[in-house]
Amino acid sequence: MIKKLTPPILRRLQWCALALVAFMLAAMVWQGIRVQEALLDANAAVNRHLESIALIQAFKSTLLDLETGERGYVITGQPAYLLPYQQARARLAHQQEQLRRISLPTGSDDLLSEEVLSSLVERRMQIAESNISVRDTDGLEAAALRLLAAGGRQTMDRLRGHLNALEQNERERLSAQTLQATRQARQSRWVWGGGAAVIAVLLLVTSLSVINQWRQRQRVMTMQKTFISTVSHELRTPLTVILGALSMLQSGVGGTLSADAQRLVVLSNDNGKRLKSLIDDILDIEKLESGQLTFQRQHLPLLPLVEHAVALNQPYAESFSVSLGFQTITTHDHAPHRPAMQPLDEHDYVNIDPERFAQIMANLISNACKHSDPGEHVAVSAGAIDSQWLEIHVCDHGNGIPLLFQPRVFERFAQADGTDRRRTGGTGLGLSITKSLVEEMGGSIGFHSVPTEGCCFWVRLPRVAKPA
């Protein structure tokens, strides 16, 4: 199904899936915050209800101490029973004040109201005081009769019933809060689990589509490389034959040609050479990418290699009416954009492939000549930066490289504009190949250019010890 979708539709679906994933993540975070707040509120409510239940139970225990102390003193007359009675009375006021803070739910029975509790507590304390007073003044018999008739037991039973109802109410609210917290936690687990599953499916589908696109792109690139390589190889043999035949015609092997025919033969031969150069560049790029380009490295002195490259490219420079020369570095030479260099000597060796180095120099010198006006000079120089690096410079005095184009100088088929390609006849592959060759030999390449003032390319290679 994914393979049948066109790339624009597939990209839109991917963006929609990513947007949905972002939305669901935000929703899950929001839901998580809500659940966390609800659980914190439920936990606080549970703690309040537990404290209320503990307070009610403590209040019931205090009332029991009050009743025990009162009855013990009335029956025995021993002052020792008055101590727990007096302590219970002292605690009752504080505990009763705390009980008033217990909030009852709306619609609760009036029997649970604060007024009822206060009146019952006050009634029970009055009865206790009266019983103790009668015991002190009238003796045991009168106090015992009053104890039975005063209604203390009935008042205490009502107090216990009131407190039991209040405790039951707190336990029900505690159970409701616990149940609500459990329900919210379960709902949160379902939301997070479902959200995570949906996000996983969306990410899986998006990943599969991206992988499929990448595979298709790799397949297309492989087909393109195979096609270009095959076509280039198939073109090279007949093109070589054609160039050979044109060279023979141009040299007069087939007889004397008319001026018009000679001009056509020269034009065909020049364009055939351009086509052969393009095919060679394409094959070099393909071999560099596949790792099939071989390098025969040798420890060689750099200075003779540079001088030989300048001599080999003299005819090419003359075809553009440009002078080409090797400039010897002196200790006083120093340009703002160049590092200070020392002149090369017979001990400055590099580990390179001489043929590939000649190709690098040919690309840089031809590039400088093509972008120089007739009568200008292209200077090649070389020197030692330090004990580890040697550097070659190829400088021209042309129009330089436009600032906007400079980041793309080493890209394939890169040309400043279409007119530049038509004027110079380049393929846009030379500098890309040069950069790859330099890096394969452990070096680096760069340039310094000021528009309208020329350009200077530099190649930096690691210095090696002179072989024994």
Foldseek 3Di string as FASTA:
>chain_A
DLVPDDVVVLVVLLVVLVVVLVVLVVVLVVLVVVLVVLLVVLVVLLVVLVVLLVLLVVLLVLVVLLVQLLVVCLQPVDCVSVVSNVVSVVVNVVSLVVNQPDDDDPPDDPLLDSVVLVVLVVLLVVLSVVLNVCCVPPNNVVSVVSVVVVCNVVSSVSNVVNSVVVSVRSVVVSVVSVVVSVVSVVVSVVSVVVSVVSSVVSVVVSVVSVVVVVVVVVVVVVVVLVVLLVVLVVPLVVLVVLLVVLVCVLVAVVHDDDPVVNVVSVVVNVVSVLVNVVSVLSNLVSCLVVVNDDWDWDWAFDVVLQQVLQVVCQVVLVVQQEAEDEDFDDQPDDDPVDARFHGGDRFFIFTGRSVLVSLLSNLLQLVQSLQAHRPWYWYWYKGHRDQWKIKIKTKTFGQWADPVQQVVLLPAQDDSDDVSCVSSVDRRRSSVSSQSRLVVRVKGKDKDTDGNGIIMIMIMGTTDGDDD
